[in-house]
Amino acid sequence: MLKRISALVLAGATALTMAGCSSSDDTSASAGGSSGGDDKIVMGFAQVGAESGWRTANTKDIQESAKTAGIELKFSDAQQKQENQIKAIRSYIQQKVDVIAFSPVVESGWDTVLKEAQNAKIPVILTDRAVDSKDTSLYKTFLGSDFVEEGKKAGQWLVDQYKDSKDEVNIVQLEGTTGSAPANDRKSGFQEVISADPKFKVIASQSGDFTRAKGKEVMEAFLKSNPKIDVLYAHNDDMGLGAIEAIEGAGKVPGKDIKIITVDAVHDGMQALADGKINYIVECSPLLGTQLMDLAKKVVKGEQVPQRVVTEETTFTQEQAKEALPNRKY
């Protein structure tokens, strides 16, 4: 993908382009033309937004990792809107970046813009979230968690907790952004595990859009319409933290009156787990930056990379959270 300019052409072009070396719309023939005509890789990254502590940590790690790797990063915040991400990707194509990476807001509706990138010979890396395109040649690799497995881990903990009980267990679920890969997969993985025992009943399930404010709002509605809730399963920590506010506002004790399972393991969630307000957290690490930059260098060189790169993650109980918190990076 990187276009190497001969030393003679580069020398002649330097005087003409020096003033615009940092311009994002530099159209010089060299890859990383915005970097002064060398072979520095330019990555366009279209982020979902800043909807949670996880996403903030993810953004920071990507920005810092790009700097460490010597990769020029062009960054955009889609504010959780697919149309904004598509606009950003098209802008990166127009700017002739060397590689595009993004975390899709939702799974569907990407084929057209990904085909545009492919036609422009710009490799694409999916991070954190996948797409449902049947044409896997439209992107080079997917880097991220196994969301189905995360849901299964959450469900298995619940099954283990109630293995000796014959009473019905009423569960409410705070889903992530409707149509997003983590929302779809964390829901299906969880359901797959608990469905083996009919005593587990999901009595209400609604999107909290991965935000603390929406998690609180939806949980308040759950509490009003469902007099007996035994368990809350939230697709991320932030929604779970919002729900804790609603539970406490209703005069109940989070972690005791209502057991809470969340996904992510960001600092605020881990603190709530250590304090006993959350009972169990399935980790989903946002620290993907170093792996992303390594993959970017390989795909730009035309090297083969795995179709999927899964991050290694764990789970946390209260005691494990207390041990991990002092050295937690996010």
Protein backbone atom coordinates (compact mmCIF):
# COMPACT_ATOMS: atom_id res chain seq x y z
CA MET A 1 0.00 0.00 0.00
CA LEU A 2 2.82 2.41 0.89
CA LYS A 3 3.98 4.23 -2.23
CA ARG A 4 7.74 4.76 -2.20
CA ILE A 5 8.96 7.90 -3.94
CA SER A 6 12.42 7.99 -5.42
CA ALA A 7 14.98 10.18 -3.71
CA LEU A 8 15.09 12.51 -6.72
CA VAL A 9 11.33 13.08 -6.80
CA LEU A 10 11.23 13.44 -3.04
CA ALA A 11 13.90 16.10 -3.07
CA GLY A 12 12.07 18.07 -5.75
CA ALA A 13 8.75 17.77 -3.97
CA THR A 14 10.03 18.77 -0.54
CA ALA A 15 10.16 22.50 -1.27
CA LEU A 16 6.62 22.45 -2.68
CA THR A 17 5.02 20.46 0.12
CA MET A 18 6.97 21.47 3.23
CA ALA A 19 4.39 24.04 4.33
CA GLY A 20 1.60 21.46 4.16
CA CYS A 21 3.39 18.48 5.72
CA SER A 22 0.86 18.19 8.53
CA SER A 23 -2.21 18.81 6.39
CA SER A 24 -4.82 16.07 6.60
CA ASP A 25 -5.80 16.50 2.96
CA ASP A 26 -2.31 16.29 1.50
CA THR A 27 -2.60 14.42 -1.80
CA SER A 28 1.10 13.74 -2.41
CA ALA A 29 1.90 10.33 -3.87
CA SER A 30 3.87 9.12 -0.87
CA ALA A 31 2.24 7.04 1.82
CA GLY A 32 2.04 9.09 4.96
CA GLY A 33 2.28 12.14 2.70
CA SER A 34 1.00 14.15 5.63
CA SER A 35 4.18 13.15 7.42
CA GLY A 36 6.55 14.86 5.03
CA GLY A 37 6.93 12.29 2.27
CA ASP A 38 8.53 9.44 4.19
CA ASP A 39 7.24 5.91 4.67
CA LYS A 40 5.46 6.62 7.93
CA ILE A 41 2.16 4.77 8.13
CA VAL A 42 -0.99 6.89 8.33
CA MET A 43 -3.98 5.25 10.02
CA GLY A 44 -7.53 6.56 9.94
CA PHE A 45 -9.42 5.42 13.03
CA ALA A 46 -13.20 5.86 13.36
CA GLN A 47 -14.18 5.40 17.00
CA VAL A 48 -17.71 4.60 18.18
CA GLY A 49 -17.80 7.49 20.63
CA ALA A 50 -17.12 8.12 24.31
CA GLU A 51 -20.16 6.42 25.78
CA SER A 52 -18.40 4.64 28.62
CA GLY A 53 -15.28 4.39 30.74
CA TRP A 54 -14.28 1.40 28.62
CA ARG A 55 -14.45 3.40 25.41
CA THR A 56 -12.47 6.29 26.91
CA ALA A 57 -9.72 3.87 27.97
CA ASN A 58 -9.79 2.24 24.53
CA THR A 59 -9.36 5.58 22.77
CA LYS A 60 -6.50 6.63 25.02
CA ASP A 61 -4.69 3.32 24.52
CA ILE A 62 -5.02 3.50 20.72
CA GLN A 63 -3.73 7.08 20.64
CA GLU A 64 -0.77 6.31 22.90
CA SER A 65 0.06 3.08 21.06
CA ALA A 66 0.04 4.85 17.69
CA LYS A 67 2.51 7.41 19.01
CA THR A 68 4.77 4.70 20.43
CA ALA A 69 4.65 2.75 17.16
CA GLY A 70 5.44 5.82 15.05
CA ILE A 71 2.10 5.66 13.25
CA GLU A 72 0.33 8.89 12.35
CA LEU A 73 -3.25 8.64 13.63
CA LYS A 74 -6.21 10.47 12.15
CA PHE A 75 -8.99 10.08 14.70
CA SER A 76 -12.75 10.66 14.58
CA ASP A 77 -15.52 10.26 17.16
CA ALA A 78 -18.79 9.00 15.65
CA GLN A 79 -20.86 9.87 18.73
CA GLN A 80 -22.51 6.44 18.41
CA LYS A 81 -23.94 7.19 14.96
CA GLN A 82 -23.24 4.89 12.03
CA GLU A 83 -23.61 7.68 9.49
CA ASN A 84 -20.79 9.57 11.20
CA GLN A 85 -18.49 6.56 10.99
CA ILE A 86 -19.26 6.03 7.30
CA LYS A 87 -18.56 9.71 6.65
CA ALA A 88 -15.23 9.43 8.50
CA ILE A 89 -14.20 6.30 6.59
CA ARG A 90 -14.98 7.99 3.27
CA SER A 91 -12.90 10.95 4.39
CA TYR A 92 -9.98 8.62 5.14
CA ILE A 93 -10.34 7.05 1.70
CA GLN A 94 -10.25 10.50 0.11
CA GLN A 95 -7.16 11.37 2.14
CA LYS A 96 -5.49 8.17 0.90
CA VAL A 97 -4.46 6.91 4.31
CA ASP A 98 -2.50 3.65 4.44
CA VAL A 99 -4.87 1.70 6.66
CA ILE A 100 -8.31 2.21 8.16
CA ALA A 101 -9.44 0.81 11.52
CA PHE A 102 -12.77 1.21 13.23
CA SER A 103 -15.11 -0.19 15.87
CA PRO A 104 -18.50 -0.53 14.14
CA VAL A 105 -21.42 1.11 15.94
CA VAL A 106 -23.70 -1.67 14.68
CA GLU A 107 -23.06 -4.91 12.79
CA SER A 108 -24.99 -4.28 9.57
CA GLY A 109 -24.77 -1.81 6.71
CA TRP A 110 -21.02 -1.64 6.03
CA ASP A 111 -20.56 -3.44 2.70
CA THR A 112 -20.76 -0.36 0.47
CA VAL A 113 -18.17 1.76 2.28
CA LEU A 114 -15.88 -1.24 2.88
CA LYS A 115 -16.02 -1.97 -0.86
CA GLU A 116 -15.01 1.63 -1.51
CA ALA A 117 -11.97 1.16 0.72
CA GLN A 118 -11.13 -2.13 -1.00
CA ASN A 119 -11.36 -0.48 -4.43
CA ALA A 120 -9.00 2.22 -3.17
CA LYS A 121 -6.62 -0.55 -2.05
CA ILE A 122 -6.76 0.59 1.57
CA PRO A 123 -6.79 -2.35 4.02
CA VAL A 124 -9.35 -2.28 6.83
CA ILE A 125 -9.02 -3.65 10.36
CA LEU A 126 -12.05 -4.13 12.59
CA THR A 127 -11.43 -3.50 16.28
CA ASP A 128 -13.55 -4.48 19.28
CA ARG A 129 -16.73 -5.03 17.26
CA ALA A 130 -17.41 -7.16 14.20
CA VAL A 131 -19.62 -6.70 11.13
CA ASP A 132 -22.07 -9.20 9.69
CA SER A 133 -20.84 -8.92 6.09
CA LYS A 134 -20.77 -12.21 4.22
CA ASP A 135 -17.80 -10.96 2.19
CA THR A 136 -14.91 -11.32 4.62
CA SER A 137 -12.46 -10.08 1.98
CA LEU A 138 -13.70 -6.53 2.71
CA TYR A 139 -11.53 -6.39 5.83
CA LYS A 140 -8.17 -7.92 6.70
CA THR A 141 -8.79 -8.99 10.28
CA PHE A 142 -10.92 -8.51 13.37
CA LEU A 143 -9.19 -7.71 16.65
CA GLY A 144 -11.27 -7.99 19.79
CA SER A 145 -13.05 -10.04 22.38
CA ASP A 146 -15.27 -13.07 21.99
CA PHE A 147 -18.54 -11.48 23.11
CA VAL A 148 -20.46 -14.76 23.00
CA GLU A 149 -17.93 -16.27 25.36
CA GLU A 150 -18.32 -13.27 27.67
CA GLY A 151 -22.06 -13.88 27.81
CA LYS A 152 -21.45 -17.56 28.53
CA LYS A 153 -19.11 -16.71 31.41
CA ALA A 154 -21.76 -14.43 32.91
CA GLY A 155 -24.41 -17.12 32.55
CA GLN A 156 -22.21 -19.85 34.00
CA TRP A 157 -21.49 -17.84 37.13
CA LEU A 158 -25.21 -17.36 37.62
CA VAL A 159 -25.94 -21.06 37.11
CA ASP A 160 -23.25 -21.98 39.64
CA GLN A 161 -24.61 -19.52 42.20
CA TYR A 162 -28.08 -21.02 42.09
CA LYS A 163 -27.23 -24.67 41.46
CA ASP A 164 -28.73 -25.79 44.77
CA SER A 165 -31.90 -23.71 44.51
CA LYS A 166 -35.19 -24.86 43.04
CA ASP A 167 -36.85 -21.46 43.20
CA GLU A 168 -37.40 -19.33 40.11
CA VAL A 169 -34.71 -16.75 39.45
CA ASN A 170 -36.07 -13.55 37.91
CA ILE A 171 -33.50 -11.79 35.74
CA VAL A 172 -33.56 -8.36 34.13
CA GLN A 173 -31.10 -7.53 31.38
CA LEU A 174 -29.61 -4.20 30.36
CA GLU A 175 -28.58 -4.70 26.76
CA GLY A 176 -25.97 -2.67 24.89
CA THR A 177 -26.65 -0.54 21.82
CA THR A 178 -29.33 -2.20 19.69
CA GLY A 179 -27.80 -4.00 16.72
CA SER A 180 -24.23 -3.85 18.02
CA ALA A 181 -22.08 -6.98 18.09
CA PRO A 182 -21.44 -6.96 21.87
CA ALA A 183 -25.14 -6.51 22.62
CA ASN A 184 -26.19 -9.32 20.28
CA ASP A 185 -23.47 -11.73 21.35
CA ARG A 186 -23.45 -11.10 25.10
CA LYS A 187 -27.19 -11.67 25.09
CA SER A 188 -27.05 -14.88 23.06
CA GLY A 189 -24.12 -16.37 25.01
CA PHE A 190 -25.83 -15.67 28.34
CA GLN A 191 -29.15 -17.09 27.13
CA GLU A 192 -27.49 -20.22 25.77
CA VAL A 193 -26.12 -21.12 29.20
CA ILE A 194 -29.11 -20.25 31.41
CA SER A 195 -31.71 -21.78 29.07
CA ALA A 196 -30.63 -25.26 30.15
CA ASP A 197 -32.44 -24.68 33.45
CA PRO A 198 -36.07 -23.42 33.28
CA LYS A 199 -35.88 -21.78 36.71
CA PHE A 200 -33.89 -18.92 35.15
CA LYS A 201 -36.32 -16.45 33.63
CA VAL A 202 -35.43 -13.18 31.88
CA ILE A 203 -38.50 -11.15 32.82
CA ALA A 204 -37.39 -7.88 31.20
CA SER A 205 -34.68 -6.94 28.70
CA GLN A 206 -34.03 -3.54 27.16
CA SER A 207 -31.19 -1.50 25.70
CA GLY A 208 -29.39 0.90 28.01
CA ASP A 209 -27.19 2.01 25.09
CA PHE A 210 -24.01 1.22 27.06
CA THR A 211 -24.35 4.48 29.07
CA ARG A 212 -24.64 5.03 32.81
CA ALA A 213 -27.52 7.50 32.49
CA LYS A 214 -29.60 5.19 30.30
CA GLY A 215 -28.79 2.22 32.52
CA LYS A 216 -30.23 4.09 35.49
CA GLU A 217 -33.31 5.16 33.55
CA VAL A 218 -34.13 1.67 32.27
CA MET A 219 -33.46 0.06 35.65
CA GLU A 220 -35.86 2.51 37.30
CA ALA A 221 -38.53 1.35 34.85
CA PHE A 222 -37.69 -2.31 35.52
CA LEU A 223 -38.07 -1.79 39.27
CA LYS A 224 -41.45 -0.12 38.89
CA SER A 225 -42.91 -2.80 36.64
CA ASN A 226 -41.33 -5.89 38.25
CA PRO A 227 -41.86 -6.29 42.01
CA LYS A 228 -39.45 -9.22 42.31
CA ILE A 229 -36.06 -8.98 40.62
CA ASP A 230 -33.36 -11.39 41.75
CA VAL A 231 -30.58 -10.69 39.26
CA LEU A 232 -29.43 -7.91 36.94
CA TYR A 233 -27.23 -8.77 33.98
CA ALA A 234 -25.76 -5.62 32.39
CA HIS A 235 -23.80 -5.77 29.15
CA ASN A 236 -21.26 -3.29 30.49
CA ASP A 237 -20.11 -1.78 33.78
CA ASP A 238 -21.43 1.69 33.07
CA MET A 239 -25.03 0.52 32.68
CA GLY A 240 -24.59 -1.58 35.81
CA LEU A 241 -23.32 1.45 37.73
CA GLY A 242 -26.32 3.47 36.60
CA ALA A 243 -28.58 0.63 37.66
CA ILE A 244 -26.99 0.63 41.12
CA GLU A 245 -28.13 4.22 41.56
CA ALA A 246 -31.67 3.20 40.61
CA ILE A 247 -31.62 0.19 42.96
CA GLU A 248 -30.41 2.28 45.86
CA GLY A 249 -32.99 4.94 45.02
CA ALA A 250 -35.66 2.27 45.31
CA GLY A 251 -34.49 1.40 48.82
CA LYS A 252 -32.84 -1.88 47.86
CA VAL A 253 -29.27 -3.06 48.42
CA PRO A 254 -27.31 -3.74 45.20
CA GLY A 255 -25.32 -6.95 45.39
CA LYS A 256 -27.61 -8.39 48.07
CA ASP A 257 -31.27 -7.76 47.30
CA ILE A 258 -30.42 -7.88 43.61
CA LYS A 259 -27.31 -9.71 42.44
CA ILE A 260 -25.48 -7.89 39.66
CA ILE A 261 -23.33 -9.25 36.83
CA THR A 262 -21.58 -6.88 34.42
CA VAL A 263 -19.04 -6.96 31.61
CA ASP A 264 -15.88 -4.85 31.11
CA ALA A 265 -13.92 -4.49 34.41
CA VAL A 266 -13.18 -0.76 34.17
CA HIS A 267 -11.97 0.92 37.34
CA ASP A 268 -15.36 2.19 38.55
CA GLY A 269 -16.92 -1.21 37.98
CA MET A 270 -14.10 -2.98 39.77
CA GLN A 271 -14.46 -0.61 42.71
CA ALA A 272 -18.18 -1.38 42.91
CA LEU A 273 -17.31 -5.09 42.80
CA ALA A 274 -14.76 -4.66 45.57
CA ASP A 275 -17.41 -2.78 47.59
CA GLY A 276 -19.91 -5.62 47.13
CA LYS A 277 -22.37 -3.64 45.00
CA ILE A 278 -21.58 -5.78 41.96
CA ASN A 279 -21.18 -9.53 42.40
CA TYR A 280 -19.26 -10.63 39.32
CA ILE A 281 -17.54 -8.99 36.34
CA VAL A 282 -16.50 -10.58 33.07
CA GLU A 283 -13.46 -8.78 31.70
CA CYS A 284 -13.43 -7.14 28.28
CA SER A 285 -10.09 -5.38 27.89
CA PRO A 286 -9.98 -2.03 26.06
CA LEU A 287 -6.19 -2.15 25.75
CA LEU A 288 -6.06 -3.16 22.08
CA GLY A 289 -3.70 -0.46 20.87
CA THR A 290 -0.41 -2.33 20.73
CA GLN A 291 -1.93 -5.31 18.92
CA LEU A 292 -3.73 -2.97 16.51
CA MET A 293 -0.55 -1.14 15.55
CA ASP A 294 1.31 -4.41 15.03
CA LEU A 295 -1.47 -5.65 12.75
CA ALA A 296 -1.54 -2.34 10.88
CA LYS A 297 2.16 -2.59 10.07
CA LYS A 298 1.72 -6.13 8.78
CA VAL A 299 -1.31 -5.49 6.56
CA VAL A 300 0.27 -2.36 5.08
CA LYS A 301 3.30 -4.47 4.12
CA GLY A 302 0.97 -7.02 2.55
CA GLU A 303 1.72 -9.72 5.11
CA GLN A 304 -0.86 -12.35 5.95
CA VAL A 305 -2.60 -11.97 9.32
CA PRO A 306 -5.18 -14.17 11.07
CA GLN A 307 -8.80 -13.49 10.09
CA ARG A 308 -9.57 -13.06 13.78
CA VAL A 309 -7.34 -12.10 16.70
CA VAL A 310 -9.03 -12.72 20.05
CA THR A 311 -7.83 -10.91 23.16
CA GLU A 312 -7.12 -12.85 26.34
CA GLU A 313 -9.40 -11.92 29.24
CA THR A 314 -10.48 -13.16 32.65
CA THR A 315 -13.27 -12.75 35.22
CA PHE A 316 -13.38 -11.14 38.65
CA THR A 317 -15.01 -11.90 41.99
CA GLN A 318 -15.02 -9.42 44.88
CA GLU A 319 -11.74 -10.65 46.34
CA GLN A 320 -10.04 -10.74 42.96
CA ALA A 321 -11.17 -7.17 42.29
CA LYS A 322 -9.63 -6.00 45.56
CA GLU A 323 -6.33 -7.58 44.55
CA ALA A 324 -6.37 -6.18 41.01
CA LEU A 325 -7.49 -2.62 41.72
CA PRO A 326 -4.15 -1.13 42.92
CA ASN A 327 -2.49 -1.92 39.59
CA ARG A 328 -5.47 -1.46 37.29
CA LYS A 329 -4.58 0.56 34.18
CA TYR A 330 -8.12 1.62 33.32
